[in-house]
Structure formats: C-alpha cells, structure tokens
C-alpha atoms as a PDB file:
ATOM      1  CA  MET A   1     -15.638  29.411   0.236  1.00  0.00           C
ATOM      2  CA  ILE A   2     -13.239  26.816   1.711  1.00  0.00           C
ATOM      3  CA  GLU A   3     -11.371  27.382   4.991  1.00  0.00           C
ATOM      4  CA  MET A   4      -8.865  24.927   6.456  1.00  0.00           C
ATOM      5  CA  ASP A   5      -7.457  25.642   9.892  1.00  0.00           C
ATOM      6  CA  ARG A   6      -4.605  23.513  11.286  1.00  0.00           C
ATOM      7  CA  VAL A   7      -5.908  20.298   9.738  1.00  0.00           C
ATOM      8  CA  SER A   8      -4.039  17.133  10.736  1.00  0.00           C
ATOM      9  CA  LYS A   9      -4.650  13.513   9.814  1.00  0.00           C
ATOM     10  CA  TRP A  10      -3.072  10.200  10.719  1.00  0.00           C
ATOM     11  CA  TYR A  11      -3.183   6.710   9.249  1.00  0.00           C
ATOM     12  CA  GLY A  12      -2.463   4.738  12.404  1.00  0.00           C
ATOM     13  CA  SER A  13       0.753   6.251  13.731  1.00  0.00           C
ATOM     14  CA  PHE A  14       1.737   7.797  10.385  1.00  0.00           C
ATOM     15  CA  GLN A  15       0.851  11.490  10.115  1.00  0.00           C
ATOM     16  CA  VAL A  16      -0.227  12.214   6.559  1.00  0.00           C
ATOM     17  CA  LEU A  17      -1.334  15.856   7.077  1.00  0.00           C
ATOM     18  CA  LYS A  18       0.402  18.238   9.485  1.00  0.00           C
ATOM     19  CA  ASP A  19      -1.265  21.480  10.602  1.00  0.00           C
ATOM     20  CA  CYS A  20      -2.508  22.448   7.138  1.00  0.00           C
ATOM     21  CA  THR A  21      -4.018  25.930   7.005  1.00  0.00           C
ATOM     22  CA  THR A  22      -5.256  27.647   3.844  1.00  0.00           C
ATOM     23  CA  GLN A  23      -8.362  29.100   2.255  1.00  0.00           C
ATOM     24  CA  VAL A  24      -9.927  29.276  -1.171  1.00  0.00           C
ATOM     25  CA  ARG A  25     -12.036  32.313  -1.971  1.00  0.00           C
ATOM     26  CA  LYS A  26     -15.101  32.247  -4.190  1.00  0.00           C
ATOM     27  CA  GLY A  27     -14.072  32.144  -7.844  1.00  0.00           C
ATOM     28  CA  GLU A  28     -10.443  31.374  -7.027  1.00  0.00           C
ATOM     29  CA  VAL A  29      -8.457  28.592  -8.692  1.00  0.00           C
ATOM     30  CA  VAL A  30      -5.871  27.034  -6.389  1.00  0.00           C
ATOM     31  CA  VAL A  31      -3.438  24.405  -7.671  1.00  0.00           C
ATOM     32  CA  VAL A  32      -2.012  21.941  -5.142  1.00  0.00           C
ATOM     33  CA  CYS A  33       1.301  20.405  -6.199  1.00  0.00           C
ATOM     34  CA  GLY A  34       4.226  18.565  -4.691  1.00  0.00           C
ATOM     35  CA  PRO A  35       6.081  15.256  -4.908  1.00  0.00           C
ATOM     36  CA  SER A  36       4.238  11.923  -4.788  1.00  0.00           C
ATOM     37  CA  GLY A  37       3.167  10.969  -1.291  1.00  0.00           C
ATOM     38  CA  SER A  38       3.176  14.555  -0.022  1.00  0.00           C
ATOM     39  CA  GLY A  39      -0.494  14.476   1.034  1.00  0.00           C
ATOM     40  CA  LYS A  40      -2.017  16.471  -1.844  1.00  0.00           C
ATOM     41  CA  SER A  41      -4.878  14.094  -2.658  1.00  0.00           C
ATOM     42  CA  THR A  42      -5.594  13.494   1.012  1.00  0.00           C
ATOM     43  CA  LEU A  43      -5.781  17.251   1.586  1.00  0.00           C
ATOM     44  CA  ILE A  44      -8.445  17.892  -1.015  1.00  0.00           C
ATOM     45  CA  LYS A  45     -10.420  14.788  -0.035  1.00  0.00           C
ATOM     46  CA  THR A  46     -10.772  16.161   3.497  1.00  0.00           C
ATOM     47  CA  VAL A  47     -12.647  19.156   2.039  1.00  0.00           C
ATOM     48  CA  ASN A  48     -15.743  17.048   1.350  1.00  0.00           C
ATOM     49  CA  ALA A  49     -14.993  14.500   4.107  1.00  0.00           C
ATOM     50  CA  LEU A  50     -14.108  11.656   1.738  1.00  0.00           C
ATOM     51  CA  GLU A  51     -11.103  11.469   4.058  1.00  0.00           C
ATOM     52  CA  PRO A  52     -11.839  12.035   7.741  1.00  0.00           C
ATOM     53  CA  PHE A  53      -9.359  14.174   9.682  1.00  0.00           C
ATOM     54  CA  GLN A  54      -8.504  14.036  13.369  1.00  0.00           C
ATOM     55  CA  GLN A  55      -7.548  17.599  14.216  1.00  0.00           C
ATOM     56  CA  GLY A  56      -8.341  21.093  13.002  1.00  0.00           C
ATOM     57  CA  ARG A  57     -11.368  22.575  11.314  1.00  0.00           C
ATOM     58  CA  ILE A  58     -12.662  22.781   7.748  1.00  0.00           C
ATOM     59  CA  THR A  59     -15.587  24.933   6.711  1.00  0.00           C
ATOM     60  CA  VAL A  60     -17.126  25.002   3.241  1.00  0.00           C
ATOM     61  CA  ASP A  61     -19.483  27.886   2.516  1.00  0.00           C
ATOM     62  CA  GLY A  62     -19.941  28.277   6.271  1.00  0.00           C
ATOM     63  CA  ILE A  63     -20.660  24.571   6.912  1.00  0.00           C
ATOM     64  CA  ASP A  64     -18.417  22.833   9.443  1.00  0.00           C
ATOM     65  CA  VAL A  65     -17.270  19.672   7.625  1.00  0.00           C
ATOM     66  CA  GLY A  66     -16.105  17.827  10.739  1.00  0.00           C
ATOM     67  CA  ALA A  67     -19.066  18.670  12.971  1.00  0.00           C
ATOM     68  CA  LYS A  68     -21.154  15.747  14.198  1.00  0.00           C
ATOM     69  CA  GLY A  69     -24.492  16.923  12.808  1.00  0.00           C
ATOM     70  CA  THR A  70     -23.250  17.867   9.333  1.00  0.00           C
ATOM     71  CA  ASP A  71     -25.186  16.240   6.498  1.00  0.00           C
ATOM     72  CA  LEU A  72     -22.207  14.958   4.498  1.00  0.00           C
ATOM     73  CA  PRO A  73     -24.132  13.613   1.473  1.00  0.00           C
ATOM     74  CA  LYS A  74     -25.783  17.020   1.120  1.00  0.00           C
ATOM     75  CA  LEU A  75     -22.416  18.754   1.460  1.00  0.00           C
ATOM     76  CA  ARG A  76     -20.809  16.441  -1.125  1.00  0.00           C
ATOM     77  CA  ALA A  77     -23.640  17.166  -3.536  1.00  0.00           C
ATOM     78  CA  ARG A  78     -22.562  20.834  -3.435  1.00  0.00           C
ATOM     79  CA  ILE A  79     -18.857  20.162  -4.019  1.00  0.00           C
ATOM     80  CA  GLY A  80     -18.047  18.545  -7.349  1.00  0.00           C
ATOM     81  CA  MET A  81     -15.272  15.948  -7.275  1.00  0.00           C
ATOM     82  CA  VAL A  82     -13.372  14.655 -10.285  1.00  0.00           C
ATOM     83  CA  PHE A  83     -11.111  11.676  -9.631  1.00  0.00           C
ATOM     84  CA  GLN A  84      -8.023  10.287 -11.280  1.00  0.00           C
ATOM     85  CA  ASN A  85      -9.836   7.250 -12.704  1.00  0.00           C
ATOM     86  CA  PHE A  86     -13.129   8.807 -13.842  1.00  0.00           C
ATOM     87  CA  GLU A  87     -15.342   6.649 -11.532  1.00  0.00           C
ATOM     88  CA  LEU A  88     -18.175   6.416 -14.060  1.00  0.00           C
ATOM     89  CA  PHE A  89     -20.733   3.619 -13.686  1.00  0.00           C
ATOM     90  CA  PRO A  90     -19.644   1.084 -16.351  1.00  0.00           C
ATOM     91  CA  HIS A  91     -23.092  -0.530 -16.706  1.00  0.00           C
ATOM     92  CA  LEU A  92     -24.915   2.760 -17.380  1.00  0.00           C
ATOM     93  CA  SER A  93     -25.026   4.814 -20.564  1.00  0.00           C
ATOM     94  CA  ILE A  94     -23.404   8.244 -20.547  1.00  0.00           C
ATOM     95  CA  THR A  95     -26.837   9.885 -20.261  1.00  0.00           C
ATOM     96  CA  ARG A  96     -27.752   7.723 -17.259  1.00  0.00           C
ATOM     97  CA  ASN A  97     -24.370   8.448 -15.656  1.00  0.00           C
ATOM     98  CA  LEU A  98     -25.180  12.150 -15.907  1.00  0.00           C
ATOM     99  CA  ALA A  99     -28.758  11.920 -14.629  1.00  0.00           C
ATOM    100  CA  LEU A 100     -28.604   9.381 -11.801  1.00  0.00           C
ATOM    101  CA  ALA A 101     -27.147  11.481  -8.966  1.00  0.00           C
ATOM    102  CA  GLN A 102     -29.310  14.474  -9.887  1.00  0.00           C
ATOM    103  CA  VAL A 103     -32.432  12.317  -9.426  1.00  0.00           C
ATOM    104  CA  LYS A 104     -31.241  10.408  -6.343  1.00  0.00           C
ATOM    105  CA  VAL A 105     -29.501  13.200  -4.449  1.00  0.00           C
ATOM    106  CA  LEU A 106     -31.070  16.436  -5.657  1.00  0.00           C
ATOM    107  CA  GLY A 107     -34.547  14.983  -6.205  1.00  0.00           C
ATOM    108  CA  ARG A 108     -34.780  16.312  -9.773  1.00  0.00           C
ATOM    109  CA  ARG A 109     -37.319  14.863 -12.156  1.00  0.00           C
ATOM    110  CA  GLU A 110     -35.838  12.395 -14.645  1.00  0.00           C
ATOM    111  CA  ASP A 111     -36.529  14.599 -17.671  1.00  0.00           C
ATOM    112  CA  GLU A 112     -34.982  17.645 -15.952  1.00  0.00           C
ATOM    113  CA  ALA A 113     -31.904  15.629 -14.964  1.00  0.00           C
ATOM    114  CA  VAL A 114     -31.430  14.303 -18.484  1.00  0.00           C
ATOM    115  CA  GLU A 115     -31.853  17.775 -19.989  1.00  0.00           C
ATOM    116  CA  ARG A 116     -29.318  19.280 -17.582  1.00  0.00           C
ATOM    117  CA  GLY A 117     -26.873  16.404 -18.135  1.00  0.00           C
ATOM    118  CA  LEU A 118     -27.066  16.609 -21.931  1.00  0.00           C
ATOM    119  CA  LYS A 119     -26.577  20.372 -21.860  1.00  0.00           C
ATOM    120  CA  LEU A 120     -23.324  19.868 -19.953  1.00  0.00           C
ATOM    121  CA  LEU A 121     -22.302  16.945 -22.147  1.00  0.00           C
ATOM    122  CA  ASP A 122     -22.664  19.291 -25.107  1.00  0.00           C
ATOM    123  CA  ARG A 123     -20.580  21.869 -23.278  1.00  0.00           C
ATOM    124  CA  VAL A 124     -17.667  19.417 -22.945  1.00  0.00           C
ATOM    125  CA  GLY A 125     -18.046  18.533 -26.639  1.00  0.00           C
ATOM    126  CA  LEU A 126     -19.456  15.024 -26.285  1.00  0.00           C
ATOM    127  CA  ILE A 127     -23.167  15.200 -27.083  1.00  0.00           C
ATOM    128  CA  ALA A 128     -22.665  12.638 -29.884  1.00  0.00           C
ATOM    129  CA  GLN A 129     -21.603  10.065 -27.272  1.00  0.00           C
ATOM    130  CA  LYS A 130     -24.741  10.303 -25.117  1.00  0.00           C
ATOM    131  CA  ASP A 131     -26.006   6.747 -25.786  1.00  0.00           C
ATOM    132  CA  LYS A 132     -22.636   5.025 -25.464  1.00  0.00           C
ATOM    133  CA  PHE A 133     -21.202   3.278 -22.397  1.00  0.00           C
ATOM    134  CA  PRO A 134     -18.017   4.439 -20.646  1.00  0.00           C
ATOM    135  CA  SER A 135     -15.960   1.544 -22.064  1.00  0.00           C
ATOM    136  CA  GLN A 136     -16.722   2.805 -25.590  1.00  0.00           C
ATOM    137  CA  LEU A 137     -15.047   6.165 -24.889  1.00  0.00           C
ATOM    138  CA  SER A 138     -11.390   7.143 -24.672  1.00  0.00           C
ATOM    139  CA  GLY A 139      -9.895   8.071 -21.303  1.00  0.00           C
ATOM    140  CA  GLY A 140     -10.013  11.766 -22.155  1.00  0.00           C
ATOM    141  CA  GLN A 141     -13.663  11.511 -23.148  1.00  0.00           C
ATOM    142  CA  GLN A 142     -14.530   9.623 -19.962  1.00  0.00           C
ATOM    143  CA  GLN A 143     -12.869  12.308 -17.853  1.00  0.00           C
ATOM    144  CA  ARG A 144     -14.808  15.016 -19.675  1.00  0.00           C
ATOM    145  CA  VAL A 145     -18.025  13.085 -18.942  1.00  0.00           C
ATOM    146  CA  ALA A 146     -16.960  12.908 -15.277  1.00  0.00           C
ATOM    147  CA  ILE A 147     -16.532  16.709 -15.247  1.00  0.00           C
ATOM    148  CA  ALA A 148     -19.966  17.167 -16.875  1.00  0.00           C
ATOM    149  CA  ARG A 149     -21.470  14.819 -14.295  1.00  0.00           C
ATOM    150  CA  ALA A 150     -19.957  16.803 -11.414  1.00  0.00           C
ATOM    151  CA  LEU A 151     -21.202  20.079 -12.946  1.00  0.00           C
ATOM    152  CA  SER A 152     -24.713  18.690 -13.379  1.00  0.00           C
ATOM    153  CA  MET A 153     -25.091  18.837  -9.586  1.00  0.00           C
ATOM    154  CA  ASP A 154     -24.682  22.656  -9.709  1.00  0.00           C
ATOM    155  CA  PRO A 155     -21.692  22.644  -7.348  1.00  0.00           C
ATOM    156  CA  ILE A 156     -20.473  25.720  -5.490  1.00  0.00           C
ATOM    157  CA  ALA A 157     -16.876  24.485  -5.875  1.00  0.00           C
ATOM    158  CA  MET A 158     -14.998  21.776  -7.764  1.00  0.00           C
ATOM    159  CA  LEU A 159     -12.210  19.507  -6.511  1.00  0.00           C
ATOM    160  CA  PHE A 160      -9.927  17.801  -9.032  1.00  0.00           C
ATOM    161  CA  ASP A 161      -7.660  14.973  -7.899  1.00  0.00           C
ATOM    162  CA  GLU A 162      -4.949  14.558 -10.559  1.00  0.00           C
ATOM    163  CA  PRO A 163      -7.593  14.544 -13.302  1.00  0.00           C
ATOM    164  CA  THR A 164      -5.105  13.928 -16.129  1.00  0.00           C
ATOM    165  CA  SER A 165      -2.660  11.492 -14.553  1.00  0.00           C
ATOM    166  CA  ALA A 166      -4.395   8.366 -15.933  1.00  0.00           C
ATOM    167  CA  LEU A 167      -4.572   9.778 -19.474  1.00  0.00           C
ATOM    168  CA  ASP A 168      -2.408   9.322 -22.548  1.00  0.00           C
ATOM    169  CA  PRO A 169      -0.456  12.515 -23.337  1.00  0.00           C
ATOM    170  CA  GLU A 170      -2.568  13.409 -26.387  1.00  0.00           C
ATOM    171  CA  MET A 171      -5.765  13.307 -24.290  1.00  0.00           C
ATOM    172  CA  ILE A 172      -4.538  15.565 -21.504  1.00  0.00           C
ATOM    173  CA  ASN A 173      -5.204  18.846 -23.281  1.00  0.00           C
ATOM    174  CA  GLU A 174      -8.830  18.037 -24.086  1.00  0.00           C
ATOM    175  CA  VAL A 175      -9.491  17.704 -20.345  1.00  0.00           C
ATOM    176  CA  LEU A 176      -7.381  20.722 -19.382  1.00  0.00           C
ATOM    177  CA  ASP A 177      -9.201  22.840 -21.982  1.00  0.00           C
ATOM    178  CA  VAL A 178     -12.522  22.122 -20.242  1.00  0.00           C
ATOM    179  CA  MET A 179     -10.951  23.004 -16.881  1.00  0.00           C
ATOM    180  CA  VAL A 180      -9.484  26.258 -18.245  1.00  0.00           C
ATOM    181  CA  GLN A 181     -12.945  27.201 -19.533  1.00  0.00           C
ATOM    182  CA  LEU A 182     -14.455  26.485 -16.099  1.00  0.00           C
ATOM    183  CA  ALA A 183     -11.829  28.628 -14.418  1.00  0.00           C
ATOM    184  CA  GLU A 184     -12.488  31.483 -16.838  1.00  0.00           C
ATOM    185  CA  GLU A 185     -16.194  31.282 -15.995  1.00  0.00           C
ATOM    186  CA  GLY A 186     -15.411  31.842 -12.332  1.00  0.00           C
ATOM    187  CA  MET A 187     -15.792  28.343 -10.863  1.00  0.00           C
ATOM    188  CA  THR A 188     -14.110  27.947  -7.470  1.00  0.00           C
ATOM    189  CA  MET A 189     -11.559  25.152  -7.951  1.00  0.00           C
ATOM    190  CA  MET A 190      -8.947  23.205  -6.010  1.00  0.00           C
ATOM    191  CA  VAL A 191      -6.816  21.169  -8.389  1.00  0.00           C
ATOM    192  CA  VAL A 192      -4.181  18.578  -7.506  1.00  0.00           C
ATOM    193  CA  THR A 193      -2.019  18.301 -10.609  1.00  0.00           C
ATOM    194  CA  HIS A 194       1.489  17.985 -12.022  1.00  0.00           C
ATOM    195  CA  GLU A 195       0.459  20.010 -15.087  1.00  0.00           C
ATOM    196  CA  MET A 196       2.469  23.146 -14.432  1.00  0.00           C
ATOM    197  CA  GLY A 197       1.426  24.712 -17.734  1.00  0.00           C
ATOM    198  CA  PHE A 198      -2.170  24.575 -16.524  1.00  0.00           C
ATOM    199  CA  ALA A 199      -1.131  26.022 -13.159  1.00  0.00           C
ATOM    200  CA  ARG A 200       0.654  28.898 -14.871  1.00  0.00           C
ATOM    201  CA  LYS A 201      -2.320  29.600 -17.091  1.00  0.00           C
ATOM    202  CA  VAL A 202      -5.234  29.564 -14.650  1.00  0.00           C
ATOM    203  CA  ALA A 203      -4.153  29.282 -11.019  1.00  0.00           C
ATOM    204  CA  GLY A 204      -4.505  32.305  -8.807  1.00  0.00           C
ATOM    205  CA  ARG A 205      -2.458  30.617  -6.100  1.00  0.00           C
ATOM    206  CA  VAL A 206      -0.233  27.583  -5.806  1.00  0.00           C
ATOM    207  CA  ILE A 207       0.011  25.430  -2.694  1.00  0.00           C
ATOM    208  CA  PHE A 208       3.168  23.339  -2.548  1.00  0.00           C
ATOM    209  CA  MET A 209       3.100  20.341  -0.210  1.00  0.00           C
ATOM    210  CA  ASP A 210       5.838  18.056   1.024  1.00  0.00           C
ATOM    211  CA  ARG A 211       5.644  15.343   3.698  1.00  0.00           C
ATOM    212  CA  GLY A 212       2.122  16.289   4.703  1.00  0.00           C
ATOM    213  CA  GLU A 213       2.854  19.984   5.207  1.00  0.00           C
ATOM    214  CA  ILE A 214       1.916  23.074   3.230  1.00  0.00           C
ATOM    215  CA  VAL A 215       5.422  24.362   2.577  1.00  0.00           C
ATOM    216  CA  GLU A 216       4.376  27.262   0.351  1.00  0.00           C
ATOM    217  CA  ASP A 217       1.069  28.975  -0.328  1.00  0.00           C
ATOM    218  CA  ALA A 218       1.760  31.806  -2.726  1.00  0.00           C
ATOM    219  CA  PRO A 219       0.356  33.748  -5.669  1.00  0.00           C
ATOM    220  CA  LYS A 220       1.162  31.914  -8.896  1.00  0.00           C
ATOM    221  CA  ASP A 221       3.700  34.439 -10.181  1.00  0.00           C
ATOM    222  CA  ASP A 222       5.604  34.406  -6.888  1.00  0.00           C
ATOM    223  CA  PHE A 223       5.664  30.618  -6.781  1.00  0.00           C
ATOM    224  CA  PHE A 224       6.977  30.182 -10.319  1.00  0.00           C
ATOM    225  CA  GLY A 225       9.157  33.283 -10.234  1.00  0.00           C
ATOM    226  CA  SER A 226      10.876  32.879  -6.867  1.00  0.00           C
ATOM    227  CA  PRO A 227       9.765  29.957  -4.696  1.00  0.00           C
ATOM    228  CA  ARG A 228      10.918  30.610  -1.147  1.00  0.00           C
ATOM    229  CA  SER A 229      11.733  27.079   0.002  1.00  0.00           C
ATOM    230  CA  GLU A 230      14.523  24.863  -1.275  1.00  0.00           C
ATOM    231  CA  ARG A 231      12.072  21.977  -1.527  1.00  0.00           C
ATOM    232  CA  ALA A 232       9.823  23.925  -3.905  1.00  0.00           C
ATOM    233  CA  GLN A 233      12.820  25.112  -5.955  1.00  0.00           C
ATOM    234  CA  LEU A 234      14.008  21.521  -6.350  1.00  0.00           C
ATOM    235  CA  PHE A 235      10.531  20.281  -7.249  1.00  0.00           C
ATOM    236  CA  LEU A 236      10.076  22.984  -9.875  1.00  0.00           C
ATOM    237  CA  SER A 237      13.511  22.489 -11.404  1.00  0.00           C
ATOM    238  CA  ARG A 238      12.784  18.770 -11.807  1.00  0.00           C
ATOM    239  CA  ILE A 239       9.253  19.100 -13.139  1.00  0.00           C
ATOM    240  CA  LEU A 240       9.969  21.973 -15.522  1.00  0.00           C
ATOM    241  CA  GLN A 241      12.847  20.079 -17.131  1.00  0.00           C
ATOM    242  CA  HIS A 242      10.415  17.496 -18.529  1.00  0.00           C
END
C-alpha cells in the first residue's frame, strides 16, 4: 500500500530524513516511534506530500507521490490524516466539518455527505454532539471528530501524527479505543505515537527513528522483546518506566 525507498529530506542544510526505506502492506498497522526531533512526523507527512522530499521515491497504492504529474489533492483525499491539534474548522458545526471535504473534494451531494458523516460520528460515539461547534467539545471529542472526518473520505490508509499528545491523560484512551477498533477492522495505518501500550496492542510492526534515520523496523514482539540497537533499548527503557 505504501512504499518508501531511500527517502531523504533537508531543511536548508539540515538533513531531517536520511535514506528512509520501509513499506506498509494493506491492512497493516505500523507504529513509528523515537525521541523528539527524530523525524517521525516528517516521515509520515511525506507519504501524502504534506512535506516535500528531495531524494528517493514514495508510492501509495501504485501512485508515485513525488512525480510531477501526480494529482496531490486527489491522492490526499485517499489517505486520511489525523493531526496532533485536531485541525477542525472552528466556525463550522461538527456536521459541517464532516460534510465539507466530501462535497468539495469528492463531489458528493450534500445530503449524502451529511449522512456519511453522521454515520461515522455515531461510530466514534458522538452523534449527540452533531450540532455543536468544536470549541464546545473536549480535546478527546474533537480528536474523535477529526478521525470521523478523515474516515468520511473513504480513505485507503490512515496516517496519525501523535494523535493523543495534545490531550489530557483521561481523554487519551477514548481516542486510542477508536484507533484500536479501526485497526481490528483492517484499516491500513501509520501511527506516530509515544503510546507504547497502543503499539503493543495493535501494531504489526514498529519503526524506531533517531536523528532522521530508521534505526529499527521490526515485528512488534521483536522490537519490545529484544530491540537490536542500543538507541532503541535506551528509548524503550526510558519510556516504559513512565
């Protein structure tokens, strides 16, 4: 579903991604972890070209992301993205937030878009909030709306960029529960997160990054059981103490 081959990226003279190669198969859940500033968020944002990259090749469902003629808006419509800070439209109701992109990007009729959006809002347990505005919801609720909005576009894969890092501790599980359910239903997912409990529960593979490099790319049990690199061992020992 997603193929990355020797992807490199620079900000000016600073190299933020170094020869990153990996793949995500259909229905696979891959967790990307590592210390702050290791390039995790940048890596997943290159998948749908929210971050341009200078070297290497990325293909998503056979489409060459970096090719000149690629229709990026169309590609992004097929890859759901959930951000750290929800990115809902504050001036629109929850229902409008869910319907807008379906109408504008997919060309759905308004009534179809609303019906699809409300079905997914119900799925994340928030149908009672449909007429409210984002500011009237908790952080956890807003993130669940953001997930429903991404799903309303019928994506072939979902990217999550630290979806719980802006949330209060008691709200984290309500978002992770939705993500666990998605994983169990076979959604292809790449998830940047520090939530190692989630990684242990649903990841098929774990990618560990440090200083812009993929240091380890291993099945979950291997990564947690016996990480090969010292950097990963140190990271795990620190994060699992908390």
